[in-house]
Amino acid sequence: MSDLQTDYLACWNETDPAARRALIERHFSEGVQFTDPLGETSGRDGVDAAIAAAQGQFPGFVFTPHGGLDQHHQQARFAWGLGPAGSEPLVVGFDVVVLDDDGRIDQVLGFLDKVPSA
């Protein structure tokens, strides 16, 4: 797993709001754009709120890498799973990220491949 994938998933797994915000400040650009099937948001505040919402919807679940990273130029894509620690993920998706000139995530395009049925 690459540092980019590790850092990204660490943001999504951090449940302490202050520690999560510090990670977001370090790894996301100020004007980051985030789009996935559940909605769109922008800025670090928007990413923070999206992460908090996911954690509220799936309490105790963790994001894990679901395969490797494919990266070239200033963009990357990688798959992830979401589920109870040590178990098969209930949700599987992949994200495409675009980095700014400082190596921070500037855009996220998220896709869901597997979701629990209602």
PDB file of N, CA and C in Angstrom:
ATOM      1  N   MET A   1       0.859  -1.181   0.000  1.00  0.00           N
ATOM      2  CA  MET A   1       0.000   0.000   0.000  1.00  0.00           C
ATOM      3  C   MET A   1       0.896   1.231   0.000  1.00  0.00           C
ATOM      4  N   SER A   2       0.528   2.219  -0.763  1.00  0.00           N
ATOM      5  CA  SER A   2       1.333   3.436  -0.869  1.00  0.00           C
ATOM      6  C   SER A   2       1.063   4.383   0.286  1.00  0.00           C
ATOM      7  N   ASP A   3       1.940   5.348   0.447  1.00  0.00           N
ATOM      8  CA  ASP A   3       1.723   6.369   1.467  1.00  0.00           C
ATOM      9  C   ASP A   3       0.425   7.129   1.195  1.00  0.00           C
ATOM     10  N   LEU A   4       0.146   7.432  -0.076  1.00  0.00           N
ATOM     11  CA  LEU A   4      -1.076   8.156  -0.420  1.00  0.00           C
ATOM     12  C   LEU A   4      -2.312   7.387   0.033  1.00  0.00           C
ATOM     13  N   GLN A   5      -2.362   6.116  -0.283  1.00  0.00           N
ATOM     14  CA  GLN A   5      -3.502   5.285   0.112  1.00  0.00           C
ATOM     15  C   GLN A   5      -3.576   5.155   1.635  1.00  0.00           C
ATOM     16  N   THR A   6      -2.448   4.955   2.279  1.00  0.00           N
ATOM     17  CA  THR A   6      -2.392   4.853   3.741  1.00  0.00           C
ATOM     18  C   THR A   6      -2.888   6.138   4.394  1.00  0.00           C
ATOM     19  N   ASP A   7      -2.394   7.274   3.913  1.00  0.00           N
ATOM     20  CA  ASP A   7      -2.775   8.562   4.484  1.00  0.00           C
ATOM     21  C   ASP A   7      -4.256   8.844   4.276  1.00  0.00           C
ATOM     22  N   TYR A   8      -4.756   8.538   3.086  1.00  0.00           N
ATOM     23  CA  TYR A   8      -6.169   8.774   2.767  1.00  0.00           C
ATOM     24  C   TYR A   8      -7.069   7.947   3.682  1.00  0.00           C
ATOM     25  N   LEU A   9      -6.778   6.656   3.795  1.00  0.00           N
ATOM     26  CA  LEU A   9      -7.609   5.796   4.638  1.00  0.00           C
ATOM     27  C   LEU A   9      -7.473   6.152   6.118  1.00  0.00           C
ATOM     28  N   ALA A  10      -6.313   6.640   6.526  1.00  0.00           N
ATOM     29  CA  ALA A  10      -6.133   7.074   7.916  1.00  0.00           C
ATOM     30  C   ALA A  10      -7.087   8.215   8.246  1.00  0.00           C
ATOM     31  N   CYS A  11      -7.294   9.122   7.297  1.00  0.00           N
ATOM     32  CA  CYS A  11      -8.245  10.219   7.514  1.00  0.00           C
ATOM     33  C   CYS A  11      -9.647   9.663   7.752  1.00  0.00           C
ATOM     34  N   TRP A  12     -10.047   8.690   6.942  1.00  0.00           N
ATOM     35  CA  TRP A  12     -11.391   8.110   7.038  1.00  0.00           C
ATOM     36  C   TRP A  12     -11.566   7.256   8.288  1.00  0.00           C
ATOM     37  N   ASN A  13     -10.478   6.749   8.841  1.00  0.00           N
ATOM     38  CA  ASN A  13     -10.576   5.894  10.027  1.00  0.00           C
ATOM     39  C   ASN A  13     -10.407   6.643  11.338  1.00  0.00           C
ATOM     40  N   GLU A  14      -9.928   7.870  11.288  1.00  0.00           N
ATOM     41  CA  GLU A  14      -9.681   8.619  12.529  1.00  0.00           C
ATOM     42  C   GLU A  14     -11.001   9.103  13.127  1.00  0.00           C
ATOM     43  N   THR A  15     -11.322   8.633  14.318  1.00  0.00           N
ATOM     44  CA  THR A  15     -12.595   8.992  14.953  1.00  0.00           C
ATOM     45  C   THR A  15     -12.481  10.180  15.903  1.00  0.00           C
ATOM     46  N   ASP A  16     -11.286  10.531  16.340  1.00  0.00           N
ATOM     47  CA  ASP A  16     -11.117  11.712  17.180  1.00  0.00           C
ATOM     48  C   ASP A  16     -11.208  12.942  16.282  1.00  0.00           C
ATOM     49  N   PRO A  17     -12.189  13.827  16.493  1.00  0.00           N
ATOM     50  CA  PRO A  17     -12.380  14.964  15.590  1.00  0.00           C
ATOM     51  C   PRO A  17     -11.149  15.854  15.417  1.00  0.00           C
ATOM     52  N   ALA A  18     -10.426  16.132  16.487  1.00  0.00           N
ATOM     53  CA  ALA A  18      -9.244  17.008  16.378  1.00  0.00           C
ATOM     54  C   ALA A  18      -8.122  16.319  15.611  1.00  0.00           C
ATOM     55  N   ALA A  19      -7.905  15.049  15.889  1.00  0.00           N
ATOM     56  CA  ALA A  19      -6.859  14.306  15.183  1.00  0.00           C
ATOM     57  C   ALA A  19      -7.226  14.134  13.710  1.00  0.00           C
ATOM     58  N   ARG A  20      -8.523  13.872  13.441  1.00  0.00           N
ATOM     59  CA  ARG A  20      -8.970  13.737  12.051  1.00  0.00           C
ATOM     60  C   ARG A  20      -8.757  15.054  11.302  1.00  0.00           C
ATOM     61  N   ARG A  21      -9.110  16.149  11.925  1.00  0.00           N
ATOM     62  CA  ARG A  21      -8.950  17.451  11.281  1.00  0.00           C
ATOM     63  C   ARG A  21      -7.482  17.733  10.972  1.00  0.00           C
ATOM     64  N   ALA A  22      -6.589  17.359  11.885  1.00  0.00           N
ATOM     65  CA  ALA A  22      -5.158  17.549  11.639  1.00  0.00           C
ATOM     66  C   ALA A  22      -4.703  16.734  10.421  1.00  0.00           C
ATOM     67  N   LEU A  23      -5.196  15.516  10.285  1.00  0.00           N
ATOM     68  CA  LEU A  23      -4.862  14.692   9.123  1.00  0.00           C
ATOM     69  C   LEU A  23      -5.415  15.312   7.838  1.00  0.00           C
ATOM     70  N   ILE A  24      -6.640  15.788   7.899  1.00  0.00           N
ATOM     71  CA  ILE A  24      -7.255  16.427   6.726  1.00  0.00           C
ATOM     72  C   ILE A  24      -6.453  17.657   6.319  1.00  0.00           C
ATOM     73  N   GLU A  25      -6.051  18.462   7.278  1.00  0.00           N
ATOM     74  CA  GLU A  25      -5.247  19.663   6.986  1.00  0.00           C
ATOM     75  C   GLU A  25      -3.933  19.276   6.304  1.00  0.00           C
ATOM     76  N   ARG A  26      -3.350  18.160   6.720  1.00  0.00           N
ATOM     77  CA  ARG A  26      -2.069  17.733   6.181  1.00  0.00           C
ATOM     78  C   ARG A  26      -2.202  17.140   4.776  1.00  0.00           C
ATOM     79  N   HIS A  27      -3.281  16.406   4.517  1.00  0.00           N
ATOM     80  CA  HIS A  27      -3.352  15.605   3.289  1.00  0.00           C
ATOM     81  C   HIS A  27      -4.312  16.116   2.220  1.00  0.00           C
ATOM     82  N   PHE A  28      -5.160  17.093   2.545  1.00  0.00           N
ATOM     83  CA  PHE A  28      -6.122  17.630   1.578  1.00  0.00           C
ATOM     84  C   PHE A  28      -5.857  19.110   1.350  1.00  0.00           C
ATOM     85  N   SER A  29      -6.032  19.548   0.111  1.00  0.00           N
ATOM     86  CA  SER A  29      -5.880  20.973  -0.187  1.00  0.00           C
ATOM     87  C   SER A  29      -7.038  21.755   0.441  1.00  0.00           C
ATOM     88  N   GLU A  30      -6.838  23.033   0.595  1.00  0.00           N
ATOM     89  CA  GLU A  30      -7.875  23.888   1.187  1.00  0.00           C
ATOM     90  C   GLU A  30      -9.166  23.868   0.365  1.00  0.00           C
ATOM     91  N   GLY A  31      -9.044  23.830  -0.947  1.00  0.00           N
ATOM     92  CA  GLY A  31     -10.225  23.892  -1.812  1.00  0.00           C
ATOM     93  C   GLY A  31     -10.643  22.553  -2.394  1.00  0.00           C
ATOM     94  N   VAL A  32     -10.295  21.462  -1.730  1.00  0.00           N
ATOM     95  CA  VAL A  32     -10.589  20.120  -2.229  1.00  0.00           C
ATOM     96  C   VAL A  32     -12.055  19.974  -2.664  1.00  0.00           C
ATOM     97  N   GLN A  33     -12.262  19.274  -3.759  1.00  0.00           N
ATOM     98  CA  GLN A  33     -13.601  18.948  -4.262  1.00  0.00           C
ATOM     99  C   GLN A  33     -13.803  17.454  -4.055  1.00  0.00           C
ATOM    100  N   PHE A  34     -14.940  17.075  -3.480  1.00  0.00           N
ATOM    101  CA  PHE A  34     -15.226  15.668  -3.189  1.00  0.00           C
ATOM    102  C   PHE A  34     -16.590  15.316  -3.771  1.00  0.00           C
ATOM    103  N   THR A  35     -16.620  14.281  -4.602  1.00  0.00           N
ATOM    104  CA  THR A  35     -17.863  13.833  -5.221  1.00  0.00           C
ATOM    105  C   THR A  35     -17.931  12.311  -5.153  1.00  0.00           C
ATOM    106  N   ASP A  36     -19.029  11.795  -4.639  1.00  0.00           N
ATOM    107  CA  ASP A  36     -19.289  10.360  -4.692  1.00  0.00           C
ATOM    108  C   ASP A  36     -20.789  10.153  -4.877  1.00  0.00           C
ATOM    109  N   PRO A  37     -21.264   8.912  -4.992  1.00  0.00           N
ATOM    110  CA  PRO A  37     -22.687   8.709  -5.249  1.00  0.00           C
ATOM    111  C   PRO A  37     -23.617   9.273  -4.170  1.00  0.00           C
ATOM    112  N   LEU A  38     -23.085   9.520  -2.989  1.00  0.00           N
ATOM    113  CA  LEU A  38     -23.916  10.013  -1.889  1.00  0.00           C
ATOM    114  C   LEU A  38     -23.981  11.527  -1.824  1.00  0.00           C
ATOM    115  N   GLY A  39     -23.127  12.206  -2.599  1.00  0.00           N
ATOM    116  CA  GLY A  39     -23.194  13.661  -2.586  1.00  0.00           C
ATOM    117  C   GLY A  39     -21.910  14.321  -3.031  1.00  0.00           C
ATOM    118  N   GLU A  40     -21.951  15.641  -2.970  1.00  0.00           N
ATOM    119  CA  GLU A  40     -20.806  16.471  -3.329  1.00  0.00           C
ATOM    120  C   GLU A  40     -20.539  17.448  -2.202  1.00  0.00           C
ATOM    121  N   THR A  41     -19.284  17.749  -2.007  1.00  0.00           N
ATOM    122  CA  THR A  41     -18.921  18.751  -1.019  1.00  0.00           C
ATOM    123  C   THR A  41     -17.580  19.350  -1.435  1.00  0.00           C
ATOM    124  N   SER A  42     -17.209  20.420  -0.771  1.00  0.00           N
ATOM    125  CA  SER A  42     -15.925  21.035  -1.085  1.00  0.00           C
ATOM    126  C   SER A  42     -15.293  21.577   0.183  1.00  0.00           C
ATOM    127  N   GLY A  43     -13.992  21.771   0.101  1.00  0.00           N
ATOM    128  CA  GLY A  43     -13.232  22.304   1.222  1.00  0.00           C
ATOM    129  C   GLY A  43     -12.967  21.258   2.286  1.00  0.00           C
ATOM    130  N   ARG A  44     -12.036  21.593   3.139  1.00  0.00           N
ATOM    131  CA  ARG A  44     -11.679  20.671   4.224  1.00  0.00           C
ATOM    132  C   ARG A  44     -12.840  20.447   5.180  1.00  0.00           C
ATOM    133  N   ASP A  45     -13.632  21.491   5.425  1.00  0.00           N
ATOM    134  CA  ASP A  45     -14.808  21.326   6.295  1.00  0.00           C
ATOM    135  C   ASP A  45     -15.782  20.311   5.704  1.00  0.00           C
ATOM    136  N   GLY A  46     -15.980  20.365   4.385  1.00  0.00           N
ATOM    137  CA  GLY A  46     -16.883  19.436   3.727  1.00  0.00           C
ATOM    138  C   GLY A  46     -16.390  18.003   3.798  1.00  0.00           C
ATOM    139  N   VAL A  47     -15.087  17.803   3.586  1.00  0.00           N
ATOM    140  CA  VAL A  47     -14.515  16.457   3.688  1.00  0.00           C
ATOM    141  C   VAL A  47     -14.643  15.947   5.114  1.00  0.00           C
ATOM    142  N   ASP A  48     -14.357  16.799   6.077  1.00  0.00           N
ATOM    143  CA  ASP A  48     -14.475  16.421   7.485  1.00  0.00           C
ATOM    144  C   ASP A  48     -15.912  15.993   7.801  1.00  0.00           C
ATOM    145  N   ALA A  49     -16.878  16.738   7.317  1.00  0.00           N
ATOM    146  CA  ALA A  49     -18.287  16.407   7.555  1.00  0.00           C
ATOM    147  C   ALA A  49     -18.675  15.099   6.869  1.00  0.00           C
ATOM    148  N   ALA A  50     -18.165  14.863   5.667  1.00  0.00           N
ATOM    149  CA  ALA A  50     -18.462  13.619   4.955  1.00  0.00           C
ATOM    150  C   ALA A  50     -17.901  12.412   5.703  1.00  0.00           C
ATOM    151  N   ILE A  51     -16.698  12.547   6.217  1.00  0.00           N
ATOM    152  CA  ILE A  51     -16.082  11.461   6.980  1.00  0.00           C
ATOM    153  C   ILE A  51     -16.866  11.214   8.268  1.00  0.00           C
ATOM    154  N   ALA A  52     -17.209  12.280   8.974  1.00  0.00           N
ATOM    155  CA  ALA A  52     -17.982  12.136  10.212  1.00  0.00           C
ATOM    156  C   ALA A  52     -19.330  11.474   9.940  1.00  0.00           C
ATOM    157  N   ALA A  53     -19.963  11.815   8.822  1.00  0.00           N
ATOM    158  CA  ALA A  53     -21.251  11.218   8.470  1.00  0.00           C
ATOM    159  C   ALA A  53     -21.104   9.724   8.196  1.00  0.00           C
ATOM    160  N   ALA A  54     -20.050   9.343   7.473  1.00  0.00           N
ATOM    161  CA  ALA A  54     -19.810   7.924   7.197  1.00  0.00           C
ATOM    162  C   ALA A  54     -19.560   7.156   8.493  1.00  0.00           C
ATOM    163  N   GLN A  55     -18.788   7.751   9.383  1.00  0.00           N
ATOM    164  CA  GLN A  55     -18.525   7.092  10.668  1.00  0.00           C
ATOM    165  C   GLN A  55     -19.798   6.972  11.501  1.00  0.00           C
ATOM    166  N   GLY A  56     -20.682   7.964  11.412  1.00  0.00           N
ATOM    167  CA  GLY A  56     -21.956   7.896  12.120  1.00  0.00           C
ATOM    168  C   GLY A  56     -22.884   6.849  11.541  1.00  0.00           C
ATOM    169  N   GLN A  57     -22.831   6.670  10.234  1.00  0.00           N
ATOM    170  CA  GLN A  57     -23.683   5.688   9.570  1.00  0.00           C
ATOM    171  C   GLN A  57     -23.181   4.267   9.793  1.00  0.00           C
ATOM    172  N   PHE A  58     -21.870   4.108   9.930  1.00  0.00           N
ATOM    173  CA  PHE A  58     -21.255   2.790  10.110  1.00  0.00           C
ATOM    174  C   PHE A  58     -20.348   2.798  11.337  1.00  0.00           C
ATOM    175  N   PRO A  59     -20.914   2.949  12.533  1.00  0.00           N
ATOM    176  CA  PRO A  59     -20.078   3.041  13.734  1.00  0.00           C
ATOM    177  C   PRO A  59     -19.250   1.775  13.946  1.00  0.00           C
ATOM    178  N   GLY A  60     -17.981   1.982  14.255  1.00  0.00           N
ATOM    179  CA  GLY A  60     -17.085   0.875  14.538  1.00  0.00           C
ATOM    180  C   GLY A  60     -16.500   0.206  13.306  1.00  0.00           C
ATOM    181  N   PHE A  61     -16.943   0.586  12.110  1.00  0.00           N
ATOM    182  CA  PHE A  61     -16.400   0.014  10.890  1.00  0.00           C
ATOM    183  C   PHE A  61     -15.084   0.709  10.547  1.00  0.00           C
ATOM    184  N   VAL A  62     -14.258   0.023   9.771  1.00  0.00           N
ATOM    185  CA  VAL A  62     -12.978   0.593   9.355  1.00  0.00           C
ATOM    186  C   VAL A  62     -12.821   0.474   7.837  1.00  0.00           C
ATOM    187  N   PHE A  63     -12.120   1.435   7.279  1.00  0.00           N
ATOM    188  CA  PHE A  63     -11.766   1.412   5.869  1.00  0.00           C
ATOM    189  C   PHE A  63     -10.440   0.672   5.730  1.00  0.00           C
ATOM    190  N   THR A  64     -10.391  -0.254   4.786  1.00  0.00           N
ATOM    191  CA  THR A  64      -9.176  -1.023   4.535  1.00  0.00           C
ATOM    192  C   THR A  64      -8.864  -0.984   3.041  1.00  0.00           C
ATOM    193  N   PRO A  65      -7.585  -1.149   2.692  1.00  0.00           N
ATOM    194  CA  PRO A  65      -7.250  -1.206   1.271  1.00  0.00           C
ATOM    195  C   PRO A  65      -7.850  -2.466   0.656  1.00  0.00           C
ATOM    196  N   HIS A  66      -8.301  -2.352  -0.543  1.00  0.00           N
ATOM    197  CA  HIS A  66      -8.911  -3.485  -1.253  1.00  0.00           C
ATOM    198  C   HIS A  66      -8.206  -3.580  -2.607  1.00  0.00           C
ATOM    199  N   GLY A  67      -6.929  -3.889  -2.546  1.00  0.00           N
ATOM    200  CA  GLY A  67      -6.097  -3.899  -3.747  1.00  0.00           C
ATOM    201  C   GLY A  67      -5.069  -2.791  -3.678  1.00  0.00           C
ATOM    202  N   GLY A  68      -4.306  -2.685  -4.721  1.00  0.00           N
ATOM    203  CA  GLY A  68      -3.207  -1.724  -4.751  1.00  0.00           C
ATOM    204  C   GLY A  68      -3.595  -0.372  -5.308  1.00  0.00           C
ATOM    205  N   LEU A  69      -2.587   0.413  -5.520  1.00  0.00           N
ATOM    206  CA  LEU A  69      -2.729   1.784  -6.012  1.00  0.00           C
ATOM    207  C   LEU A  69      -2.218   1.848  -7.442  1.00  0.00           C
ATOM    208  N   ASP A  70      -2.942   2.541  -8.282  1.00  0.00           N
ATOM    209  CA  ASP A  70      -2.513   2.823  -9.652  1.00  0.00           C
ATOM    210  C   ASP A  70      -2.339   4.331  -9.728  1.00  0.00           C
ATOM    211  N   GLN A  71      -1.115   4.781 -10.000  1.00  0.00           N
ATOM    212  CA  GLN A  71      -0.836   6.217  -9.937  1.00  0.00           C
ATOM    213  C   GLN A  71       0.046   6.642 -11.097  1.00  0.00           C
ATOM    214  N   HIS A  72      -0.287   7.771 -11.694  1.00  0.00           N
ATOM    215  CA  HIS A  72       0.591   8.409 -12.666  1.00  0.00           C
ATOM    216  C   HIS A  72       0.319   9.906 -12.644  1.00  0.00           C
ATOM    217  N   HIS A  73       1.325  10.652 -13.032  1.00  0.00           N
ATOM    218  CA  HIS A  73       1.287  12.102 -13.000  1.00  0.00           C
ATOM    219  C   HIS A  73       0.786  12.552 -11.627  1.00  0.00           C
ATOM    220  N   GLN A  74      -0.283  13.320 -11.579  1.00  0.00           N
ATOM    221  CA  GLN A  74      -0.789  13.801 -10.290  1.00  0.00           C
ATOM    222  C   GLN A  74      -2.153  13.196  -9.975  1.00  0.00           C
ATOM    223  N   GLN A  75      -2.351  11.954 -10.407  1.00  0.00           N
ATOM    224  CA  GLN A  75      -3.626  11.297 -10.141  1.00  0.00           C
ATOM    225  C   GLN A  75      -3.393   9.850  -9.736  1.00  0.00           C
ATOM    226  N   ALA A  76      -4.348   9.326  -8.994  1.00  0.00           N
ATOM    227  CA  ALA A  76      -4.256   7.944  -8.523  1.00  0.00           C
ATOM    228  C   ALA A  76      -5.653   7.373  -8.353  1.00  0.00           C
ATOM    229  N   ARG A  77      -5.724   6.050  -8.386  1.00  0.00           N
ATOM    230  CA  ARG A  77      -6.976   5.371  -8.080  1.00  0.00           C
ATOM    231  C   ARG A  77      -6.656   4.158  -7.218  1.00  0.00           C
ATOM    232  N   PHE A  78      -7.568   3.857  -6.325  1.00  0.00           N
ATOM    233  CA  PHE A  78      -7.402   2.698  -5.462  1.00  0.00           C
ATOM    234  C   PHE A  78      -8.754   2.272  -4.920  1.00  0.00           C
ATOM    235  N   ALA A  79      -8.861   0.985  -4.629  1.00  0.00           N
ATOM    236  CA  ALA A  79     -10.095   0.432  -4.072  1.00  0.00           C
ATOM    237  C   ALA A  79      -9.964   0.336  -2.555  1.00  0.00           C
ATOM    238  N   TRP A  80     -11.101   0.343  -1.914  1.00  0.00           N
ATOM    239  CA  TRP A  80     -11.148   0.249  -0.454  1.00  0.00           C
ATOM    240  C   TRP A  80     -12.373  -0.578  -0.056  1.00  0.00           C
ATOM    241  N   GLY A  81     -12.332  -1.093   1.155  1.00  0.00           N
ATOM    242  CA  GLY A  81     -13.469  -1.800   1.733  1.00  0.00           C
ATOM    243  C   GLY A  81     -13.841  -1.147   3.046  1.00  0.00           C
ATOM    244  N   LEU A  82     -15.095  -1.291   3.422  1.00  0.00           N
ATOM    245  CA  LEU A  82     -15.582  -0.754   4.694  1.00  0.00           C
ATOM    246  C   LEU A  82     -16.373  -1.845   5.398  1.00  0.00           C
ATOM    247  N   GLY A  83     -15.977  -2.154   6.608  1.00  0.00           N
ATOM    248  CA  GLY A  83     -16.680  -3.166   7.387  1.00  0.00           C
ATOM    249  C   GLY A  83     -16.067  -3.308   8.764  1.00  0.00           C
ATOM    250  N   PRO A  84     -16.574  -4.252   9.540  1.00  0.00           N
ATOM    251  CA  PRO A  84     -15.987  -4.496  10.857  1.00  0.00           C
ATOM    252  C   PRO A  84     -14.531  -4.944  10.713  1.00  0.00           C
ATOM    253  N   ALA A  85     -13.695  -4.531  11.637  1.00  0.00           N
ATOM    254  CA  ALA A  85     -12.276  -4.893  11.597  1.00  0.00           C
ATOM    255  C   ALA A  85     -12.127  -6.412  11.545  1.00  0.00           C
ATOM    256  N   GLY A  86     -11.274  -6.890  10.650  1.00  0.00           N
ATOM    257  CA  GLY A  86     -10.988  -8.308  10.546  1.00  0.00           C
ATOM    258  C   GLY A  86     -12.029  -9.114   9.791  1.00  0.00           C
ATOM    259  N   SER A  87     -13.047  -8.467   9.241  1.00  0.00           N
ATOM    260  CA  SER A  87     -14.104  -9.164   8.513  1.00  0.00           C
ATOM    261  C   SER A  87     -14.123  -8.721   7.055  1.00  0.00           C
ATOM    262  N   GLU A  88     -14.833  -9.486   6.236  1.00  0.00           N
ATOM    263  CA  GLU A  88     -15.031  -9.073   4.849  1.00  0.00           C
ATOM    264  C   GLU A  88     -15.774  -7.740   4.836  1.00  0.00           C
ATOM    265  N   PRO A  89     -15.375  -6.819   3.968  1.00  0.00           N
ATOM    266  CA  PRO A  89     -16.070  -5.530   3.922  1.00  0.00           C
ATOM    267  C   PRO A  89     -17.503  -5.668   3.424  1.00  0.00           C
ATOM    268  N   LEU A  90     -18.391  -4.877   4.005  1.00  0.00           N
ATOM    269  CA  LEU A  90     -19.780  -4.831   3.567  1.00  0.00           C
ATOM    270  C   LEU A  90     -19.957  -3.863   2.409  1.00  0.00           C
ATOM    271  N   VAL A  91     -19.079  -2.872   2.343  1.00  0.00           N
ATOM    272  CA  VAL A  91     -19.094  -1.878   1.283  1.00  0.00           C
ATOM    273  C   VAL A  91     -17.724  -1.929   0.609  1.00  0.00           C
ATOM    274  N   VAL A  92     -17.727  -1.896  -0.721  1.00  0.00           N
ATOM    275  CA  VAL A  92     -16.481  -1.830  -1.485  1.00  0.00           C
ATOM    276  C   VAL A  92     -16.636  -0.712  -2.513  1.00  0.00           C
ATOM    277  N   GLY A  93     -15.609   0.096  -2.626  1.00  0.00           N
ATOM    278  CA  GLY A  93     -15.636   1.170  -3.595  1.00  0.00           C
ATOM    279  C   GLY A  93     -14.238   1.482  -4.074  1.00  0.00           C
ATOM    280  N   PHE A  94     -14.147   2.463  -4.946  1.00  0.00           N
ATOM    281  CA  PHE A  94     -12.826   2.945  -5.329  1.00  0.00           C
ATOM    282  C   PHE A  94     -12.904   4.449  -5.516  1.00  0.00           C
ATOM    283  N   ASP A  95     -11.783   5.082  -5.271  1.00  0.00           N
ATOM    284  CA  ASP A  95     -11.679   6.524  -5.399  1.00  0.00           C
ATOM    285  C   ASP A  95     -10.573   6.868  -6.380  1.00  0.00           C
ATOM    286  N   VAL A  96     -10.820   7.914  -7.137  1.00  0.00           N
ATOM    287  CA  VAL A  96      -9.815   8.521  -7.994  1.00  0.00           C
ATOM    288  C   VAL A  96      -9.484   9.854  -7.337  1.00  0.00           C
ATOM    289  N   VAL A  97      -8.219  10.101  -7.109  1.00  0.00           N
ATOM    290  CA  VAL A  97      -7.807  11.356  -6.494  1.00  0.00           C
ATOM    291  C   VAL A  97      -6.846  12.091  -7.423  1.00  0.00           C
ATOM    292  N   VAL A  98      -6.955  13.408  -7.388  1.00  0.00           N
ATOM    293  CA  VAL A  98      -6.048  14.283  -8.138  1.00  0.00           C
ATOM    294  C   VAL A  98      -5.307  15.114  -7.102  1.00  0.00           C
ATOM    295  N   LEU A  99      -4.002  15.180  -7.251  1.00  0.00           N
ATOM    296  CA  LEU A  99      -3.161  15.903  -6.297  1.00  0.00           C
ATOM    297  C   LEU A  99      -2.837  17.299  -6.816  1.00  0.00           C
ATOM    298  N   ASP A 100      -2.665  18.226  -5.880  1.00  0.00           N
ATOM    299  CA  ASP A 100      -2.215  19.562  -6.272  1.00  0.00           C
ATOM    300  C   ASP A 100      -0.693  19.563  -6.391  1.00  0.00           C
ATOM    301  N   ASP A 101      -0.117  20.705  -6.682  1.00  0.00           N
ATOM    302  CA  ASP A 101       1.334  20.794  -6.878  1.00  0.00           C
ATOM    303  C   ASP A 101       2.135  20.511  -5.614  1.00  0.00           C
ATOM    304  N   ASP A 102       1.475  20.589  -4.444  1.00  0.00           N
ATOM    305  CA  ASP A 102       2.142  20.295  -3.178  1.00  0.00           C
ATOM    306  C   ASP A 102       1.946  18.848  -2.745  1.00  0.00           C
ATOM    307  N   GLY A 103       1.283  18.052  -3.572  1.00  0.00           N
ATOM    308  CA  GLY A 103       1.059  16.642  -3.239  1.00  0.00           C
ATOM    309  C   GLY A 103      -0.143  16.386  -2.352  1.00  0.00           C
ATOM    310  N   ARG A 104      -0.960  17.418  -2.141  1.00  0.00           N
ATOM    311  CA  ARG A 104      -2.182  17.241  -1.344  1.00  0.00           C
ATOM    312  C   ARG A 104      -3.336  16.836  -2.260  1.00  0.00           C
ATOM    313  N   ILE A 105      -4.292  16.133  -1.705  1.00  0.00           N
ATOM    314  CA  ILE A 105      -5.457  15.715  -2.467  1.00  0.00           C
ATOM    315  C   ILE A 105      -6.313  16.938  -2.758  1.00  0.00           C
ATOM    316  N   ASP A 106      -6.561  17.188  -4.046  1.00  0.00           N
ATOM    317  CA  ASP A 106      -7.297  18.365  -4.483  1.00  0.00           C
ATOM    318  C   ASP A 106      -8.683  18.009  -5.025  1.00  0.00           C
ATOM    319  N   GLN A 107      -8.845  16.760  -5.440  1.00  0.00           N
ATOM    320  CA  GLN A 107     -10.139  16.307  -5.941  1.00  0.00           C
ATOM    321  C   GLN A 107     -10.274  14.820  -5.665  1.00  0.00           C
ATOM    322  N   VAL A 108     -11.488  14.412  -5.271  1.00  0.00           N
ATOM    323  CA  VAL A 108     -11.814  13.007  -5.060  1.00  0.00           C
ATOM    324  C   VAL A 108     -13.068  12.703  -5.857  1.00  0.00           C
ATOM    325  N   LEU A 109     -12.991  11.644  -6.655  1.00  0.00           N
ATOM    326  CA  LEU A 109     -14.146  11.120  -7.371  1.00  0.00           C
ATOM    327  C   LEU A 109     -14.349   9.699  -6.865  1.00  0.00           C
ATOM    328  N   GLY A 110     -15.422   9.484  -6.128  1.00  0.00           N
ATOM    329  CA  GLY A 110     -15.654   8.197  -5.492  1.00  0.00           C
ATOM    330  C   GLY A 110     -16.730   7.379  -6.192  1.00  0.00           C
ATOM    331  N   PHE A 111     -16.554   6.074  -6.160  1.00  0.00           N
ATOM    332  CA  PHE A 111     -17.494   5.139  -6.763  1.00  0.00           C
ATOM    333  C   PHE A 111     -17.757   4.001  -5.789  1.00  0.00           C
ATOM    334  N   LEU A 112     -18.985   3.500  -5.781  1.00  0.00           N
ATOM    335  CA  LEU A 112     -19.359   2.374  -4.926  1.00  0.00           C
ATOM    336  C   LEU A 112     -19.606   1.149  -5.799  1.00  0.00           C
ATOM    337  N   ASP A 113     -18.907   0.063  -5.524  1.00  0.00           N
ATOM    338  CA  ASP A 113     -19.050  -1.173  -6.278  1.00  0.00           C
ATOM    339  C   ASP A 113     -19.948  -2.174  -5.579  1.00  0.00           C
ATOM    340  N   LYS A 114     -19.962  -2.142  -4.257  1.00  0.00           N
ATOM    341  CA  LYS A 114     -20.762  -3.078  -3.474  1.00  0.00           C
ATOM    342  C   LYS A 114     -21.333  -2.328  -2.276  1.00  0.00           C
ATOM    343  N   VAL A 115     -22.636  -2.384  -2.109  1.00  0.00           N
ATOM    344  CA  VAL A 115     -23.281  -1.737  -0.966  1.00  0.00           C
ATOM    345  C   VAL A 115     -24.275  -2.730  -0.359  1.00  0.00           C
ATOM    346  N   PRO A 116     -24.517  -2.629   0.945  1.00  0.00           N
ATOM    347  CA  PRO A 116     -25.494  -3.525   1.567  1.00  0.00           C
ATOM    348  C   PRO A 116     -26.887  -3.259   1.021  1.00  0.00           C
ATOM    349  N   SER A 117     -27.670  -4.296   0.874  1.00  0.00           N
ATOM    350  CA  SER A 117     -29.049  -4.088   0.432  1.00  0.00           C
ATOM    351  C   SER A 117     -29.877  -3.563   1.591  1.00  0.00           C
ATOM    352  N   ALA A 118     -30.914  -2.814   1.245  1.00  0.00           N
ATOM    353  CA  ALA A 118     -31.733  -2.173   2.268  1.00  0.00           C
ATOM    354  C   ALA A 118     -32.567  -3.160   3.036  1.00  0.00           C
TER     355      ALA A 118
END
